[in-house]
Amino acid sequence: MPLHVFEPRYRKMVEDALASRRTIGMVLLKPGFEGDYQGRPPIYPLGCSGTIVEEERLRDGRYNIVLLGRSRFRVLAEHDGEPYRLAAVEELPDPEGDGPSLVELRERVLATLGRLDDGAAVHLRDEVPPATLVNGLAQGLDLLPVEKLSLLGCDTVEARAQRLLEILEFHALERAKGRSTLH
């Protein structure tokens, strides 16, 4: 995920991450955050960690970075001490689930993506692991934040694939009606 980091508190977070494990976490702010954006508005407890795999520091202190998603987590507690949020987190396991079901879900997800792309065929090599496919689509598709949060909340890759299929089928129906927000 490419990010442009411009706020002073997040510039410091990137500097600190680059000086240590190169890892940051991302969470979604709850609705109504706008009034306290500069403070600590409420967040959803699920997030995803990512490792900074590319960085470019600009002359004015801003950064362009690329994050590689690593794992889902649950926020256990927040801590003071920095202008950005610090938290104790619990890494969440990401088991695959039922293998045969994942094969079927993979085909249905790809077929639905084809319908969303005006009938374009979507072909992937078979050796793409299910977790890579599902998590890559969950991250890369232009989904609403609440849709991405619902994917993050799935306890298995199989459940995430099923939820992704539901979201894509909904967008396919909405596109047929001329109302989809998915691009």
Protein backbone atom coordinates (compact mmCIF):
# COMPACT_ATOMS: atom_id res chain seq x y z
CA MET A 1 0.00 0.00 0.00
CA PRO A 2 1.61 3.28 -1.06
CA LEU A 3 1.20 6.14 1.42
CA HIS A 4 2.13 9.81 1.36
CA VAL A 5 2.94 10.89 4.94
CA PHE A 6 2.66 14.63 5.54
CA GLU A 7 1.28 15.23 9.05
CA PRO A 8 4.04 15.99 11.58
CA ARG A 9 2.89 13.29 14.03
CA TYR A 10 2.94 10.63 11.32
CA ARG A 11 6.29 11.84 9.99
CA LYS A 12 7.67 11.16 13.47
CA MET A 13 5.99 7.75 13.50
CA VAL A 14 7.67 6.84 10.20
CA GLU A 15 11.04 8.08 11.49
CA ASP A 16 10.65 5.98 14.64
CA ALA A 17 9.54 2.93 12.65
CA LEU A 18 12.48 3.25 10.26
CA ALA A 19 14.83 3.40 13.25
CA SER A 20 13.44 0.15 14.70
CA ARG A 21 11.40 -2.69 13.17
CA ARG A 22 10.02 -0.68 10.22
CA THR A 23 6.50 -1.74 11.28
CA ILE A 24 3.40 0.38 11.80
CA GLY A 25 -0.24 -0.46 12.38
CA MET A 26 -3.30 0.99 10.74
CA VAL A 27 -6.80 1.17 12.21
CA LEU A 28 -10.04 2.81 11.12
CA LEU A 29 -11.42 5.82 12.97
CA LYS A 30 -15.01 5.53 14.10
CA PRO A 31 -17.64 7.82 12.53
CA GLY A 32 -17.71 11.31 14.01
CA PHE A 33 -13.92 11.50 14.34
CA GLU A 34 -13.71 14.83 12.51
CA GLY A 35 -14.27 16.96 15.63
CA ASP A 36 -11.32 15.37 17.44
CA TYR A 37 -9.11 14.35 14.51
CA GLN A 38 -6.01 16.06 15.94
CA GLY A 39 -6.58 14.36 19.31
CA ARG A 40 -7.39 10.73 19.90
CA PRO A 41 -10.82 10.02 18.42
CA PRO A 42 -12.32 6.56 18.97
CA ILE A 43 -11.04 3.75 16.76
CA TYR A 44 -12.24 0.32 15.79
CA PRO A 45 -10.25 -2.31 17.71
CA LEU A 46 -9.13 -4.28 14.64
CA GLY A 47 -6.19 -3.25 12.50
CA CYS A 48 -3.46 -4.49 10.24
CA SER A 49 0.28 -4.20 10.67
CA GLY A 50 2.59 -3.43 7.79
CA THR A 51 6.31 -3.29 7.22
CA ILE A 52 7.79 -0.30 5.43
CA VAL A 53 9.47 -1.90 2.41
CA GLU A 54 10.21 1.32 0.51
CA GLU A 55 10.71 4.84 1.75
CA GLU A 56 11.53 8.21 0.23
CA ARG A 57 12.08 11.17 2.50
CA LEU A 58 11.27 14.42 0.74
CA ARG A 59 13.21 17.63 1.34
CA ASP A 60 10.43 19.16 3.43
CA GLY A 61 10.26 16.14 5.79
CA ARG A 62 7.30 14.39 4.19
CA TYR A 63 7.61 10.72 3.23
CA ASN A 64 6.45 8.48 0.46
CA ILE A 65 6.38 4.93 1.77
CA VAL A 66 5.16 1.53 0.66
CA LEU A 67 3.75 -0.82 3.29
CA LEU A 68 3.62 -4.57 2.95
CA GLY A 69 0.71 -5.96 4.98
CA ARG A 70 1.81 -8.48 7.60
CA SER A 71 -0.90 -9.44 10.07
CA ARG A 72 -4.24 -8.58 11.59
CA PHE A 73 -4.30 -7.39 15.18
CA ARG A 74 -6.64 -6.37 17.97
CA VAL A 75 -5.86 -3.27 20.04
CA LEU A 76 -5.64 -4.23 23.72
CA ALA A 77 -4.63 -0.86 25.18
CA GLU A 78 -3.40 2.53 24.05
CA HIS A 79 -0.41 4.30 25.61
CA ASP A 80 0.69 7.92 25.80
CA GLY A 81 4.19 9.09 25.02
CA GLU A 82 4.23 10.09 21.37
CA PRO A 83 2.23 12.48 19.20
CA TYR A 84 0.99 9.44 17.26
CA ARG A 85 -0.87 6.52 18.81
CA LEU A 86 0.98 3.75 20.58
CA ALA A 87 -0.81 0.54 21.44
CA ALA A 88 -0.39 -2.89 22.91
CA VAL A 89 -1.81 -5.29 20.35
CA GLU A 90 -2.60 -8.96 20.03
CA GLU A 91 -1.70 -10.52 16.70
CA LEU A 92 -4.64 -12.49 15.34
CA PRO A 93 -4.15 -15.86 13.65
CA ASP A 94 -5.18 -16.20 10.03
CA PRO A 95 -5.92 -19.88 9.36
CA GLU A 96 -7.07 -20.78 5.85
CA GLY A 97 -10.17 -22.81 6.68
CA ASP A 98 -11.56 -25.47 4.33
CA GLY A 99 -9.28 -26.02 1.29
CA PRO A 100 -11.90 -27.34 -1.20
CA SER A 101 -14.26 -24.53 -0.26
CA LEU A 102 -11.48 -21.99 -0.91
CA VAL A 103 -10.95 -23.36 -4.42
CA GLU A 104 -14.63 -22.88 -5.21
CA LEU A 105 -14.70 -19.42 -3.60
CA ARG A 106 -11.61 -18.41 -5.59
CA GLU A 107 -13.38 -19.21 -8.85
CA ARG A 108 -16.56 -17.41 -7.80
CA VAL A 109 -14.61 -14.31 -6.68
CA LEU A 110 -12.71 -14.19 -9.98
CA ALA A 111 -15.92 -14.65 -11.99
CA THR A 112 -17.62 -11.84 -10.07
CA LEU A 113 -14.61 -9.58 -10.62
CA GLY A 114 -14.97 -10.32 -14.33
CA ARG A 115 -18.62 -9.23 -14.21
CA LEU A 116 -17.61 -6.01 -12.45
CA ASP A 117 -15.00 -5.31 -15.12
CA ASP A 118 -17.53 -5.45 -17.98
CA GLY A 119 -16.90 -9.11 -18.74
CA ALA A 120 -13.10 -9.00 -18.77
CA ALA A 121 -11.67 -12.38 -17.90
CA VAL A 122 -9.60 -12.57 -14.74
CA HIS A 123 -7.00 -15.32 -14.83
CA LEU A 124 -4.40 -16.11 -12.21
CA ARG A 125 -1.86 -18.85 -12.02
CA ASP A 126 -3.02 -21.70 -9.80
CA GLU A 127 -0.01 -21.43 -7.52
CA VAL A 128 -1.19 -18.11 -6.06
CA PRO A 129 -1.96 -19.12 -2.46
CA PRO A 130 -5.56 -18.46 -1.38
CA ALA A 131 -4.48 -16.14 1.44
CA THR A 132 -2.37 -14.06 -0.97
CA LEU A 133 -5.24 -13.76 -3.45
CA VAL A 134 -7.95 -12.95 -0.91
CA ASN A 135 -5.84 -10.58 1.19
CA GLY A 136 -4.43 -8.88 -1.91
CA LEU A 137 -7.90 -8.26 -3.30
CA ALA A 138 -9.19 -7.11 0.09
CA GLN A 139 -6.40 -4.55 0.24
CA GLY A 140 -6.18 -3.56 -3.40
CA LEU A 141 -9.81 -3.18 -4.41
CA ASP A 142 -11.41 0.23 -4.01
CA LEU A 143 -13.81 -0.87 -1.27
CA LEU A 144 -15.48 1.31 1.32
CA PRO A 145 -13.59 1.48 4.64
CA VAL A 146 -16.43 -0.31 6.45
CA GLU A 147 -16.28 -3.11 3.85
CA LYS A 148 -12.53 -3.48 4.42
CA LEU A 149 -13.13 -3.52 8.18
CA SER A 150 -15.67 -6.32 7.77
CA LEU A 151 -13.05 -8.31 5.82
CA LEU A 152 -10.47 -7.69 8.53
CA GLY A 153 -12.89 -9.07 11.11
CA CYS A 154 -13.12 -12.49 9.42
CA ASP A 155 -11.34 -15.18 11.45
CA THR A 156 -10.27 -17.37 8.51
CA VAL A 157 -9.20 -16.82 4.92
CA GLU A 158 -12.21 -18.90 3.89
CA ALA A 159 -14.58 -16.60 5.80
CA ARG A 160 -12.81 -13.56 4.31
CA ALA A 161 -13.19 -15.02 0.79
CA GLN A 162 -16.91 -15.61 1.42
CA ARG A 163 -17.36 -12.05 2.73
CA LEU A 164 -15.38 -10.65 -0.22
CA LEU A 165 -17.64 -12.56 -2.59
CA GLU A 166 -20.72 -11.10 -0.87
CA ILE A 167 -19.30 -7.57 -1.20
CA LEU A 168 -18.39 -8.07 -4.86
CA GLU A 169 -21.79 -9.59 -5.67
CA PHE A 170 -23.46 -6.59 -4.01
CA HIS A 171 -21.37 -4.21 -6.12
CA ALA A 172 -22.18 -6.21 -9.25
CA LEU A 173 -25.90 -5.82 -8.52
CA GLU A 174 -25.46 -2.12 -7.78
CA ARG A 175 -23.44 -1.63 -10.97
CA ALA A 176 -26.25 -3.29 -12.94
CA LYS A 177 -28.56 -0.66 -11.43
CA GLY A 178 -26.00 2.10 -12.12
CA ARG A 179 -25.23 2.74 -8.45
CA SER A 180 -21.98 0.94 -7.52
CA THR A 181 -19.22 2.84 -5.71
CA LEU A 182 -16.58 0.25 -6.71
CA HIS A 183 -14.25 1.44 -9.47
